[in-house]
Amino acid sequence: MNYRVLGRTGLRISEIGLGSWLTYGKSVAEEAAVACVQAAFDAGVNFFDTADVYAAGQAELLLGKAIRALPRNQIVVGTKCYFRMWPGPLGFGLNRKHIFESVEGSLRRLGVDYVDLLQTHYPDKDTPAEETLRAMDDLRRQGKILYAACSNYYAHELAEAMLAAQRLGVTRFDSLQPEYSMLFRHVETHDLPFCGRHGIGVVCYSPLAEGILTGKYKSAGKGPAGTRLAERKSPHLTRENLARIRRLEPIAKARGCTLGQLALAWVLRRPEVTCAITGASRPEQIAQNVAACEIKLTDAELEQIEKALGNKPVKPW
């Protein structure tokens, strides 16, 4: 396993992380989830990502059970807040009250005294950035969180939050968690460069586009029974993207790796990216994903991939 420093912090995070979106507490049984977490740790993964809203708190509960056997000082636990967790007008948002209540709930479900990385799941248009950042700074001073971060923010929203933190003299967002994969590349135009310029770490989610980049899906629409996309439609599972994947197959074969490993190595090629968060329902998937860390794509291979994808985003200005 390789490790990268998270932005301007000194926190070293594994290049491959383990997430629990759409899996733990929902589609993956407890025993399998615990085995995956242990296998990940044994393979050198030290970053475990979740959110209060995943499976209505069940993902945090299950991750909490899984990490009890792990040394707390050797793992980095990230969770998120924003979405509705209880009824009524106070059950969601990034106002001070909801953040405090949300963190207390996460700590309780995870069974930990603090979370390493608290991420705002989405921007809250109804709450000033100053209020959100002040609340996170107070939680940091209380020792309940170590680092403040955000997810699904655009560059201009990150800039607004940075200016607010400077005005207040409080902690700023140290990392961004965006969706980023071969099939979802808009962050390349502004968001990744902004993070690189300002020392903001990037822990990207869905680097395999919900498993589509592994090549296991053969038709557009919903996935076959027993797969992650059997019950939900992914915007990435299109005829155009399936054609892209077919064009990538010979590149992966020539490199001697799987499609999934090629996709992960491609995401990790970006210097702004600290970690690619993957999901796993079986322990053997962990080893396959971790092996991607050793793949360093050549300029010629990157050109071949770019031609096969044909979806490089263009800056609007």
C-alpha atoms as a PDB file:
ATOM      1  CA  MET A   1       0.000   0.000   0.000  1.00  0.00           C
ATOM      2  CA  ASN A   2       1.100   3.531  -0.734  1.00  0.00           C
ATOM      3  CA  TYR A   3       0.123   6.521   1.399  1.00  0.00           C
ATOM      4  CA  ARG A   4      -0.382  10.160   0.490  1.00  0.00           C
ATOM      5  CA  VAL A   5      -0.579  13.251   2.668  1.00  0.00           C
ATOM      6  CA  LEU A   6      -4.061  14.757   2.847  1.00  0.00           C
ATOM      7  CA  GLY A   7      -3.685  18.239   1.372  1.00  0.00           C
ATOM      8  CA  ARG A   8      -1.765  20.629   3.611  1.00  0.00           C
ATOM      9  CA  THR A   9      -2.228  18.430   6.707  1.00  0.00           C
ATOM     10  CA  GLY A  10       0.301  15.880   7.906  1.00  0.00           C
ATOM     11  CA  LEU A  11      -2.286  13.074   7.846  1.00  0.00           C
ATOM     12  CA  ARG A  12      -1.167  10.097   5.751  1.00  0.00           C
ATOM     13  CA  ILE A  13      -4.014   8.197   4.112  1.00  0.00           C
ATOM     14  CA  SER A  14      -3.898   5.012   2.063  1.00  0.00           C
ATOM     15  CA  GLU A  15      -4.303   5.484  -1.681  1.00  0.00           C
ATOM     16  CA  ILE A  16      -7.196   3.029  -1.566  1.00  0.00           C
ATOM     17  CA  GLY A  17      -9.935   3.581   1.017  1.00  0.00           C
ATOM     18  CA  LEU A  18     -12.948   1.488   1.953  1.00  0.00           C
ATOM     19  CA  GLY A  19     -16.401   3.065   1.837  1.00  0.00           C
ATOM     20  CA  SER A  20     -19.845   1.907   2.897  1.00  0.00           C
ATOM     21  CA  TRP A  21     -22.186   3.700   0.492  1.00  0.00           C
ATOM     22  CA  LEU A  22     -24.833   1.291  -0.907  1.00  0.00           C
ATOM     23  CA  THR A  23     -23.197  -1.655   0.853  1.00  0.00           C
ATOM     24  CA  TYR A  24     -22.698  -1.925   4.613  1.00  0.00           C
ATOM     25  CA  GLY A  25     -25.872  -1.956   6.645  1.00  0.00           C
ATOM     26  CA  LYS A  26     -27.866  -2.562   3.477  1.00  0.00           C
ATOM     27  CA  SER A  27     -26.845  -5.031   0.755  1.00  0.00           C
ATOM     28  CA  VAL A  28     -23.865  -6.670   2.496  1.00  0.00           C
ATOM     29  CA  ALA A  29     -24.356  -8.970   5.496  1.00  0.00           C
ATOM     30  CA  GLU A  30     -22.663  -8.093   8.779  1.00  0.00           C
ATOM     31  CA  GLU A  31     -20.226 -11.003   8.727  1.00  0.00           C
ATOM     32  CA  ALA A  32     -19.080 -10.168   5.189  1.00  0.00           C
ATOM     33  CA  ALA A  33     -18.715  -6.473   6.003  1.00  0.00           C
ATOM     34  CA  VAL A  34     -16.572  -7.180   9.060  1.00  0.00           C
ATOM     35  CA  ALA A  35     -14.419  -9.534   6.994  1.00  0.00           C
ATOM     36  CA  CYS A  36     -13.964  -6.852   4.326  1.00  0.00           C
ATOM     37  CA  VAL A  37     -12.878  -4.248   6.874  1.00  0.00           C
ATOM     38  CA  GLN A  38     -10.370  -6.644   8.420  1.00  0.00           C
ATOM     39  CA  ALA A  39      -9.045  -7.658   4.996  1.00  0.00           C
ATOM     40  CA  ALA A  40      -8.672  -4.008   4.053  1.00  0.00           C
ATOM     41  CA  PHE A  41      -6.725  -3.208   7.206  1.00  0.00           C
ATOM     42  CA  ASP A  42      -4.496  -6.245   6.685  1.00  0.00           C
ATOM     43  CA  ALA A  43      -3.789  -4.992   3.150  1.00  0.00           C
ATOM     44  CA  GLY A  44      -2.712  -1.578   4.448  1.00  0.00           C
ATOM     45  CA  VAL A  45      -5.937   0.366   4.010  1.00  0.00           C
ATOM     46  CA  ASN A  46      -6.232   2.882   6.844  1.00  0.00           C
ATOM     47  CA  PHE A  47      -9.096   5.097   5.636  1.00  0.00           C
ATOM     48  CA  PHE A  48     -12.681   3.997   6.263  1.00  0.00           C
ATOM     49  CA  ASP A  49     -15.452   6.260   4.996  1.00  0.00           C
ATOM     50  CA  THR A  50     -19.140   6.336   5.865  1.00  0.00           C
ATOM     51  CA  ALA A  51     -22.007   8.786   6.524  1.00  0.00           C
ATOM     52  CA  ASP A  52     -24.793   9.102   9.059  1.00  0.00           C
ATOM     53  CA  VAL A  53     -27.426   8.834   6.330  1.00  0.00           C
ATOM     54  CA  TYR A  54     -26.104   5.618   4.764  1.00  0.00           C
ATOM     55  CA  ALA A  55     -28.754   2.963   5.411  1.00  0.00           C
ATOM     56  CA  ALA A  56     -30.293   5.358   7.976  1.00  0.00           C
ATOM     57  CA  GLY A  57     -27.403   4.959  10.418  1.00  0.00           C
ATOM     58  CA  GLN A  58     -26.939   1.225   9.939  1.00  0.00           C
ATOM     59  CA  ALA A  59     -23.721   1.679   7.935  1.00  0.00           C
ATOM     60  CA  GLU A  60     -22.110   3.535  10.840  1.00  0.00           C
ATOM     61  CA  LEU A  61     -23.296   0.878  13.283  1.00  0.00           C
ATOM     62  CA  LEU A  62     -21.811  -1.884  11.174  1.00  0.00           C
ATOM     63  CA  LEU A  63     -18.547  -0.056  10.564  1.00  0.00           C
ATOM     64  CA  GLY A  64     -18.338   0.580  14.298  1.00  0.00           C
ATOM     65  CA  LYS A  65     -18.595  -3.150  14.983  1.00  0.00           C
ATOM     66  CA  ALA A  66     -15.989  -3.896  12.334  1.00  0.00           C
ATOM     67  CA  ILE A  67     -13.345  -1.447  13.584  1.00  0.00           C
ATOM     68  CA  ARG A  68     -13.561  -2.518  17.221  1.00  0.00           C
ATOM     69  CA  ALA A  69     -10.947  -5.171  16.518  1.00  0.00           C
ATOM     70  CA  LEU A  70      -8.623  -2.617  14.911  1.00  0.00           C
ATOM     71  CA  PRO A  71      -6.143  -0.317  16.675  1.00  0.00           C
ATOM     72  CA  ARG A  72      -7.828   3.109  16.769  1.00  0.00           C
ATOM     73  CA  ASN A  73      -4.512   4.941  16.454  1.00  0.00           C
ATOM     74  CA  GLN A  74      -3.818   3.251  13.106  1.00  0.00           C
ATOM     75  CA  ILE A  75      -7.047   4.026  11.265  1.00  0.00           C
ATOM     76  CA  VAL A  76      -8.715   7.149   9.899  1.00  0.00           C
ATOM     77  CA  VAL A  77     -12.503   7.222  10.161  1.00  0.00           C
ATOM     78  CA  GLY A  78     -14.501   9.665   8.065  1.00  0.00           C
ATOM     79  CA  THR A  79     -18.218  10.332   8.257  1.00  0.00           C
ATOM     80  CA  LYS A  80     -20.623  12.979   6.979  1.00  0.00           C
ATOM     81  CA  CYS A  81     -23.567  15.096   8.052  1.00  0.00           C
ATOM     82  CA  TYR A  82     -26.280  17.137   6.315  1.00  0.00           C
ATOM     83  CA  PHE A  83     -29.104  14.829   5.216  1.00  0.00           C
ATOM     84  CA  ARG A  84     -32.265  14.155   7.200  1.00  0.00           C
ATOM     85  CA  MET A  85     -31.746  11.797  10.127  1.00  0.00           C
ATOM     86  CA  TRP A  86     -34.913  12.462  12.175  1.00  0.00           C
ATOM     87  CA  PRO A  87     -38.339  14.053  11.540  1.00  0.00           C
ATOM     88  CA  GLY A  88     -39.130  17.735  11.753  1.00  0.00           C
ATOM     89  CA  PRO A  89     -37.441  20.960  10.666  1.00  0.00           C
ATOM     90  CA  LEU A  90     -34.300  20.263  12.726  1.00  0.00           C
ATOM     91  CA  GLY A  91     -33.593  16.850  11.235  1.00  0.00           C
ATOM     92  CA  PHE A  92     -31.253  18.002   8.469  1.00  0.00           C
ATOM     93  CA  GLY A  93     -28.918  20.787   7.392  1.00  0.00           C
ATOM     94  CA  LEU A  94     -25.570  22.303   8.310  1.00  0.00           C
ATOM     95  CA  ASN A  95     -26.757  24.622  11.050  1.00  0.00           C
ATOM     96  CA  ARG A  96     -24.970  24.459  14.382  1.00  0.00           C
ATOM     97  CA  LYS A  97     -27.656  22.413  16.136  1.00  0.00           C
ATOM     98  CA  HIS A  98     -27.934  19.747  13.479  1.00  0.00           C
ATOM     99  CA  ILE A  99     -24.158  19.366  13.168  1.00  0.00           C
ATOM    100  CA  PHE A 100     -23.743  18.925  16.926  1.00  0.00           C
ATOM    101  CA  GLU A 101     -26.618  16.434  17.153  1.00  0.00           C
ATOM    102  CA  SER A 102     -25.419  14.582  14.064  1.00  0.00           C
ATOM    103  CA  VAL A 103     -21.884  14.175  15.380  1.00  0.00           C
ATOM    104  CA  GLU A 104     -23.126  12.879  18.721  1.00  0.00           C
ATOM    105  CA  GLY A 105     -25.199  10.296  16.861  1.00  0.00           C
ATOM    106  CA  SER A 106     -22.270   9.261  14.684  1.00  0.00           C
ATOM    107  CA  LEU A 107     -19.935   8.874  17.654  1.00  0.00           C
ATOM    108  CA  ARG A 108     -22.526   6.726  19.402  1.00  0.00           C
ATOM    109  CA  ARG A 109     -23.144   4.479  16.388  1.00  0.00           C
ATOM    110  CA  LEU A 110     -19.459   4.143  15.520  1.00  0.00           C
ATOM    111  CA  GLY A 111     -18.509   3.504  19.130  1.00  0.00           C
ATOM    112  CA  VAL A 112     -15.608   5.966  19.048  1.00  0.00           C
ATOM    113  CA  ASP A 113     -14.630   9.053  21.043  1.00  0.00           C
ATOM    114  CA  TYR A 114     -13.840  11.094  17.943  1.00  0.00           C
ATOM    115  CA  VAL A 115     -13.989  10.939  14.156  1.00  0.00           C
ATOM    116  CA  ASP A 116     -10.908  11.853  12.197  1.00  0.00           C
ATOM    117  CA  LEU A 117     -12.674  13.481   9.276  1.00  0.00           C
ATOM    118  CA  LEU A 118     -16.088  15.147   9.545  1.00  0.00           C
ATOM    119  CA  GLN A 119     -17.421  16.025   6.102  1.00  0.00           C
ATOM    120  CA  THR A 120     -20.390  18.162   5.166  1.00  0.00           C
ATOM    121  CA  HIS A 121     -22.229  15.869   2.754  1.00  0.00           C
ATOM    122  CA  TYR A 122     -23.562  18.670   0.506  1.00  0.00           C
ATOM    123  CA  PRO A 123     -23.636  22.474   0.752  1.00  0.00           C
ATOM    124  CA  ASP A 124     -26.566  23.910   2.691  1.00  0.00           C
ATOM    125  CA  LYS A 125     -27.952  26.957   0.907  1.00  0.00           C
ATOM    126  CA  ASP A 126     -29.956  27.957   3.986  1.00  0.00           C
ATOM    127  CA  THR A 127     -27.015  28.120   6.404  1.00  0.00           C
ATOM    128  CA  PRO A 128     -24.140  30.617   6.191  1.00  0.00           C
ATOM    129  CA  ALA A 129     -20.734  29.028   5.727  1.00  0.00           C
ATOM    130  CA  GLU A 130     -19.580  30.909   8.829  1.00  0.00           C
ATOM    131  CA  GLU A 131     -22.066  29.075  11.058  1.00  0.00           C
ATOM    132  CA  THR A 132     -21.104  25.672   9.693  1.00  0.00           C
ATOM    133  CA  LEU A 133     -17.378  26.289  10.023  1.00  0.00           C
ATOM    134  CA  ARG A 134     -17.682  27.767  13.517  1.00  0.00           C
ATOM    135  CA  ALA A 135     -19.586  24.663  14.643  1.00  0.00           C
ATOM    136  CA  MET A 136     -16.952  22.358  13.153  1.00  0.00           C
ATOM    137  CA  ASP A 137     -14.161  24.386  14.722  1.00  0.00           C
ATOM    138  CA  ASP A 138     -15.819  24.093  18.135  1.00  0.00           C
ATOM    139  CA  LEU A 139     -16.146  20.327  17.687  1.00  0.00           C
ATOM    140  CA  ARG A 140     -12.472  20.175  16.787  1.00  0.00           C
ATOM    141  CA  ARG A 141     -11.543  22.115  19.918  1.00  0.00           C
ATOM    142  CA  GLN A 142     -13.665  19.686  21.951  1.00  0.00           C
ATOM    143  CA  GLY A 143     -11.720  16.767  20.465  1.00  0.00           C
ATOM    144  CA  LYS A 144     -14.771  15.201  18.819  1.00  0.00           C
ATOM    145  CA  ILE A 145     -13.412  15.693  15.304  1.00  0.00           C
ATOM    146  CA  LEU A 146      -9.827  16.115  14.127  1.00  0.00           C
ATOM    147  CA  TYR A 147     -10.290  17.566  10.649  1.00  0.00           C
ATOM    148  CA  ALA A 148     -13.128  19.402   8.903  1.00  0.00           C
ATOM    149  CA  ALA A 149     -13.917  18.516   5.315  1.00  0.00           C
ATOM    150  CA  CYS A 150     -16.643  18.654   2.694  1.00  0.00           C
ATOM    151  CA  SER A 151     -18.190  16.503  -0.005  1.00  0.00           C
ATOM    152  CA  ASN A 152     -19.848  17.391  -3.312  1.00  0.00           C
ATOM    153  CA  TYR A 153     -18.760  21.052  -3.285  1.00  0.00           C
ATOM    154  CA  TYR A 154     -17.782  22.942  -6.417  1.00  0.00           C
ATOM    155  CA  ALA A 155     -14.666  25.135  -6.566  1.00  0.00           C
ATOM    156  CA  HIS A 156     -16.613  28.367  -6.035  1.00  0.00           C
ATOM    157  CA  GLU A 157     -18.271  26.879  -2.925  1.00  0.00           C
ATOM    158  CA  LEU A 158     -14.871  25.818  -1.600  1.00  0.00           C
ATOM    159  CA  ALA A 159     -13.574  29.342  -2.213  1.00  0.00           C
ATOM    160  CA  GLU A 160     -16.497  30.840  -0.289  1.00  0.00           C
ATOM    161  CA  ALA A 161     -15.845  28.496   2.637  1.00  0.00           C
ATOM    162  CA  MET A 162     -12.117  29.298   2.626  1.00  0.00           C
ATOM    163  CA  LEU A 163     -12.801  33.027   2.774  1.00  0.00           C
ATOM    164  CA  ALA A 164     -15.283  32.505   5.607  1.00  0.00           C
ATOM    165  CA  ALA A 165     -12.732  30.493   7.576  1.00  0.00           C
ATOM    166  CA  GLN A 166     -10.119  33.213   7.088  1.00  0.00           C
ATOM    167  CA  ARG A 167     -12.512  35.927   8.272  1.00  0.00           C
ATOM    168  CA  LEU A 168     -13.374  33.970  11.414  1.00  0.00           C
ATOM    169  CA  GLY A 169      -9.932  32.563  12.094  1.00  0.00           C
ATOM    170  CA  VAL A 170     -11.349  29.024  12.362  1.00  0.00           C
ATOM    171  CA  THR A 171     -10.550  25.656  10.855  1.00  0.00           C
ATOM    172  CA  ARG A 172     -11.104  25.370   7.130  1.00  0.00           C
ATOM    173  CA  PHE A 173     -12.033  22.389   4.983  1.00  0.00           C
ATOM    174  CA  ASP A 174      -8.918  20.232   4.648  1.00  0.00           C
ATOM    175  CA  SER A 175     -10.334  17.878   2.035  1.00  0.00           C
ATOM    176  CA  LEU A 176     -12.993  17.489  -0.622  1.00  0.00           C
ATOM    177  CA  GLN A 177     -14.837  14.268  -1.423  1.00  0.00           C
ATOM    178  CA  PRO A 178     -16.138  14.486  -5.005  1.00  0.00           C
ATOM    179  CA  GLU A 179     -17.338  11.806  -7.368  1.00  0.00           C
ATOM    180  CA  TYR A 180     -14.566  11.125  -9.864  1.00  0.00           C
ATOM    181  CA  SER A 181     -14.022   8.349 -12.377  1.00  0.00           C
ATOM    182  CA  MET A 182     -13.286   7.713 -16.036  1.00  0.00           C
ATOM    183  CA  LEU A 183     -17.002   8.180 -16.675  1.00  0.00           C
ATOM    184  CA  PHE A 184     -17.529  11.269 -14.481  1.00  0.00           C
ATOM    185  CA  ARG A 185     -14.835  13.845 -15.096  1.00  0.00           C
ATOM    186  CA  HIS A 186     -16.258  17.349 -14.620  1.00  0.00           C
ATOM    187  CA  VAL A 187     -14.090  17.877 -11.498  1.00  0.00           C
ATOM    188  CA  GLU A 188     -11.029  18.044 -13.748  1.00  0.00           C
ATOM    189  CA  THR A 189     -11.948  21.493 -15.076  1.00  0.00           C
ATOM    190  CA  HIS A 190     -11.998  23.574 -11.878  1.00  0.00           C
ATOM    191  CA  ASP A 191     -12.381  21.525  -8.686  1.00  0.00           C
ATOM    192  CA  LEU A 192      -9.196  19.422  -8.796  1.00  0.00           C
ATOM    193  CA  PRO A 193      -6.975  22.338  -9.888  1.00  0.00           C
ATOM    194  CA  PHE A 194      -8.465  24.516  -7.123  1.00  0.00           C
ATOM    195  CA  CYS A 195      -7.719  21.836  -4.521  1.00  0.00           C
ATOM    196  CA  GLY A 196      -4.182  21.455  -5.830  1.00  0.00           C
ATOM    197  CA  ARG A 197      -3.503  25.202  -5.635  1.00  0.00           C
ATOM    198  CA  HIS A 198      -4.841  25.568  -2.095  1.00  0.00           C
ATOM    199  CA  GLY A 199      -3.601  22.390  -0.433  1.00  0.00           C
ATOM    200  CA  ILE A 200      -7.000  20.712  -0.134  1.00  0.00           C
ATOM    201  CA  GLY A 201      -6.842  16.917  -0.170  1.00  0.00           C
ATOM    202  CA  VAL A 202      -9.141  14.940  -2.466  1.00  0.00           C
ATOM    203  CA  VAL A 203     -10.703  11.644  -1.411  1.00  0.00           C
ATOM    204  CA  CYS A 204     -12.828  10.722  -4.405  1.00  0.00           C
ATOM    205  CA  TYR A 205     -15.796   8.377  -4.284  1.00  0.00           C
ATOM    206  CA  SER A 206     -17.176   5.999  -6.898  1.00  0.00           C
ATOM    207  CA  PRO A 207     -13.872   5.718  -8.829  1.00  0.00           C
ATOM    208  CA  LEU A 208     -15.280   2.553 -10.431  1.00  0.00           C
ATOM    209  CA  ALA A 209     -18.567   4.300 -11.329  1.00  0.00           C
ATOM    210  CA  GLU A 210     -20.618   2.056  -9.033  1.00  0.00           C
ATOM    211  CA  GLY A 211     -18.810  -1.025 -10.356  1.00  0.00           C
ATOM    212  CA  ILE A 212     -19.535  -0.297 -14.019  1.00  0.00           C
ATOM    213  CA  LEU A 213     -15.827   0.172 -14.775  1.00  0.00           C
ATOM    214  CA  THR A 214     -15.101  -3.393 -13.695  1.00  0.00           C
ATOM    215  CA  GLY A 215     -16.789  -4.560 -16.870  1.00  0.00           C
ATOM    216  CA  LYS A 216     -19.357  -6.760 -15.127  1.00  0.00           C
ATOM    217  CA  TYR A 217     -22.354  -4.952 -16.604  1.00  0.00           C
ATOM    218  CA  LYS A 218     -23.121  -5.747 -20.225  1.00  0.00           C
ATOM    219  CA  SER A 219     -26.363  -3.886 -20.940  1.00  0.00           C
ATOM    220  CA  ALA A 220     -27.632  -0.369 -20.290  1.00  0.00           C
ATOM    221  CA  GLY A 221     -30.272   0.445 -17.673  1.00  0.00           C
ATOM    222  CA  LYS A 222     -30.473  -1.528 -14.448  1.00  0.00           C
ATOM    223  CA  GLY A 223     -28.063  -4.294 -13.548  1.00  0.00           C
ATOM    224  CA  PRO A 224     -28.962  -7.987 -13.350  1.00  0.00           C
ATOM    225  CA  ALA A 225     -30.384  -9.545 -10.179  1.00  0.00           C
ATOM    226  CA  GLY A 226     -27.904  -9.816  -7.352  1.00  0.00           C
ATOM    227  CA  THR A 227     -25.816  -6.829  -8.400  1.00  0.00           C
ATOM    228  CA  ARG A 228     -25.584  -3.415  -6.764  1.00  0.00           C
ATOM    229  CA  LEU A 229     -27.544  -1.782  -9.587  1.00  0.00           C
ATOM    230  CA  ALA A 230     -30.361  -4.321  -9.657  1.00  0.00           C
ATOM    231  CA  GLU A 231     -32.619  -2.051  -7.599  1.00  0.00           C
ATOM    232  CA  ARG A 232     -31.511   1.357  -8.815  1.00  0.00           C
ATOM    233  CA  LYS A 233     -30.678   2.953 -12.141  1.00  0.00           C
ATOM    234  CA  SER A 234     -27.236   4.461 -12.533  1.00  0.00           C
ATOM    235  CA  PRO A 235     -26.725   7.475 -14.815  1.00  0.00           C
ATOM    236  CA  HIS A 236     -23.392   5.895 -15.812  1.00  0.00           C
ATOM    237  CA  LEU A 237     -24.843   2.634 -17.145  1.00  0.00           C
ATOM    238  CA  THR A 238     -25.409   3.831 -20.702  1.00  0.00           C
ATOM    239  CA  ARG A 239     -24.700   2.403 -24.136  1.00  0.00           C
ATOM    240  CA  GLU A 240     -22.053   5.075 -24.691  1.00  0.00           C
ATOM    241  CA  ASN A 241     -20.205   4.177 -21.502  1.00  0.00           C
ATOM    242  CA  LEU A 242     -20.418   0.443 -22.186  1.00  0.00           C
ATOM    243  CA  ALA A 243     -18.819   1.141 -25.571  1.00  0.00           C
ATOM    244  CA  ARG A 244     -16.042   3.074 -23.809  1.00  0.00           C
ATOM    245  CA  ILE A 245     -15.426   0.119 -21.502  1.00  0.00           C
ATOM    246  CA  ARG A 246     -15.139  -2.260 -24.459  1.00  0.00           C
ATOM    247  CA  ARG A 247     -12.485   0.043 -25.936  1.00  0.00           C
ATOM    248  CA  LEU A 248     -10.597   0.006 -22.618  1.00  0.00           C
ATOM    249  CA  GLU A 249     -10.486  -3.787 -22.391  1.00  0.00           C
ATOM    250  CA  PRO A 250      -7.492  -4.306 -24.721  1.00  0.00           C
ATOM    251  CA  ILE A 251      -5.553  -1.592 -22.885  1.00  0.00           C
ATOM    252  CA  ALA A 252      -6.062  -3.371 -19.566  1.00  0.00           C
ATOM    253  CA  LYS A 253      -5.212  -6.723 -21.122  1.00  0.00           C
ATOM    254  CA  ALA A 254      -1.981  -5.376 -22.591  1.00  0.00           C
ATOM    255  CA  ARG A 255      -1.047  -3.969 -19.185  1.00  0.00           C
ATOM    256  CA  GLY A 256      -1.866  -7.291 -17.490  1.00  0.00           C
ATOM    257  CA  CYS A 257      -4.445  -5.857 -15.116  1.00  0.00           C
ATOM    258  CA  THR A 258      -8.190  -5.859 -14.691  1.00  0.00           C
ATOM    259  CA  LEU A 259     -10.443  -3.081 -15.958  1.00  0.00           C
ATOM    260  CA  GLY A 260     -11.112  -2.057 -12.378  1.00  0.00           C
ATOM    261  CA  GLN A 261      -7.412  -1.803 -11.581  1.00  0.00           C
ATOM    262  CA  LEU A 262      -6.874   0.285 -14.708  1.00  0.00           C
ATOM    263  CA  ALA A 263      -9.681   2.633 -13.657  1.00  0.00           C
ATOM    264  CA  LEU A 264      -8.260   3.053 -10.148  1.00  0.00           C
ATOM    265  CA  ALA A 265      -4.724   3.647 -11.413  1.00  0.00           C
ATOM    266  CA  TRP A 266      -6.131   6.263 -13.805  1.00  0.00           C
ATOM    267  CA  VAL A 267      -7.816   8.161 -10.948  1.00  0.00           C
ATOM    268  CA  LEU A 268      -4.685   7.958  -8.799  1.00  0.00           C
ATOM    269  CA  ARG A 269      -2.596   9.448 -11.621  1.00  0.00           C
ATOM    270  CA  ARG A 270      -3.805  12.890 -10.512  1.00  0.00           C
ATOM    271  CA  PRO A 271      -1.458  14.459  -7.935  1.00  0.00           C
ATOM    272  CA  GLU A 272      -4.420  16.222  -6.279  1.00  0.00           C
ATOM    273  CA  VAL A 273      -6.042  12.880  -5.415  1.00  0.00           C
ATOM    274  CA  THR A 274      -5.101  11.539  -1.998  1.00  0.00           C
ATOM    275  CA  CYS A 275      -7.315   8.468  -1.934  1.00  0.00           C
ATOM    276  CA  ALA A 276      -9.809   6.563  -4.088  1.00  0.00           C
ATOM    277  CA  ILE A 277     -12.683   5.218  -1.983  1.00  0.00           C
ATOM    278  CA  THR A 278     -13.817   1.795  -3.128  1.00  0.00           C
ATOM    279  CA  GLY A 279     -16.614  -0.477  -1.994  1.00  0.00           C
ATOM    280  CA  ALA A 280     -16.343  -4.207  -1.407  1.00  0.00           C
ATOM    281  CA  SER A 281     -18.776  -6.990  -0.656  1.00  0.00           C
ATOM    282  CA  ARG A 282     -16.129  -9.741  -0.539  1.00  0.00           C
ATOM    283  CA  PRO A 283     -12.636  -9.714   1.011  1.00  0.00           C
ATOM    284  CA  GLU A 284     -10.989 -10.845  -2.228  1.00  0.00           C
ATOM    285  CA  GLN A 285     -12.111  -7.616  -3.890  1.00  0.00           C
ATOM    286  CA  ILE A 286      -9.896  -5.699  -1.480  1.00  0.00           C
ATOM    287  CA  ALA A 287      -6.693  -7.330  -2.751  1.00  0.00           C
ATOM    288  CA  GLN A 288      -7.679  -6.632  -6.365  1.00  0.00           C
ATOM    289  CA  ASN A 289      -8.276  -2.959  -5.635  1.00  0.00           C
ATOM    290  CA  VAL A 290      -5.114  -2.499  -3.568  1.00  0.00           C
ATOM    291  CA  ALA A 291      -3.021  -3.960  -6.399  1.00  0.00           C
ATOM    292  CA  ALA A 292      -3.940  -0.914  -8.476  1.00  0.00           C
ATOM    293  CA  CYS A 293      -1.590   1.186  -6.338  1.00  0.00           C
ATOM    294  CA  GLU A 294       1.396  -0.431  -8.044  1.00  0.00           C
ATOM    295  CA  ILE A 295       0.235   0.441 -11.556  1.00  0.00           C
ATOM    296  CA  LYS A 296       1.885   3.602 -12.888  1.00  0.00           C
ATOM    297  CA  LEU A 297       0.415   4.409 -16.274  1.00  0.00           C
ATOM    298  CA  THR A 298       2.788   5.600 -18.996  1.00  0.00           C
ATOM    299  CA  ASP A 299       2.159   8.651 -21.164  1.00  0.00           C
ATOM    300  CA  ALA A 300       1.442   6.339 -24.098  1.00  0.00           C
ATOM    301  CA  GLU A 301      -1.124   4.398 -22.065  1.00  0.00           C
ATOM    302  CA  LEU A 302      -2.770   7.595 -20.888  1.00  0.00           C
ATOM    303  CA  GLU A 303      -3.086   8.730 -24.494  1.00  0.00           C
ATOM    304  CA  GLN A 304      -4.670   5.398 -25.436  1.00  0.00           C
ATOM    305  CA  ILE A 305      -7.111   5.690 -22.530  1.00  0.00           C
ATOM    306  CA  GLU A 306      -8.020   9.268 -23.446  1.00  0.00           C
ATOM    307  CA  LYS A 307      -8.755   8.203 -27.004  1.00  0.00           C
ATOM    308  CA  ALA A 308     -10.839   5.248 -25.815  1.00  0.00           C
ATOM    309  CA  LEU A 309     -12.869   7.417 -23.445  1.00  0.00           C
ATOM    310  CA  GLY A 310     -13.394  10.387 -25.729  1.00  0.00           C
ATOM    311  CA  ASN A 311     -15.003  12.368 -22.920  1.00  0.00           C
ATOM    312  CA  LYS A 312     -12.374  14.842 -21.761  1.00  0.00           C
ATOM    313  CA  PRO A 313     -14.180  17.801 -20.199  1.00  0.00           C
ATOM    314  CA  VAL A 314     -13.641  21.233 -21.683  1.00  0.00           C
ATOM    315  CA  LYS A 315     -13.446  24.332 -19.512  1.00  0.00           C
ATOM    316  CA  PRO A 316     -16.392  26.648 -20.212  1.00  0.00           C
ATOM    317  CA  TRP A 317     -14.056  29.647 -19.904  1.00  0.00           C
END
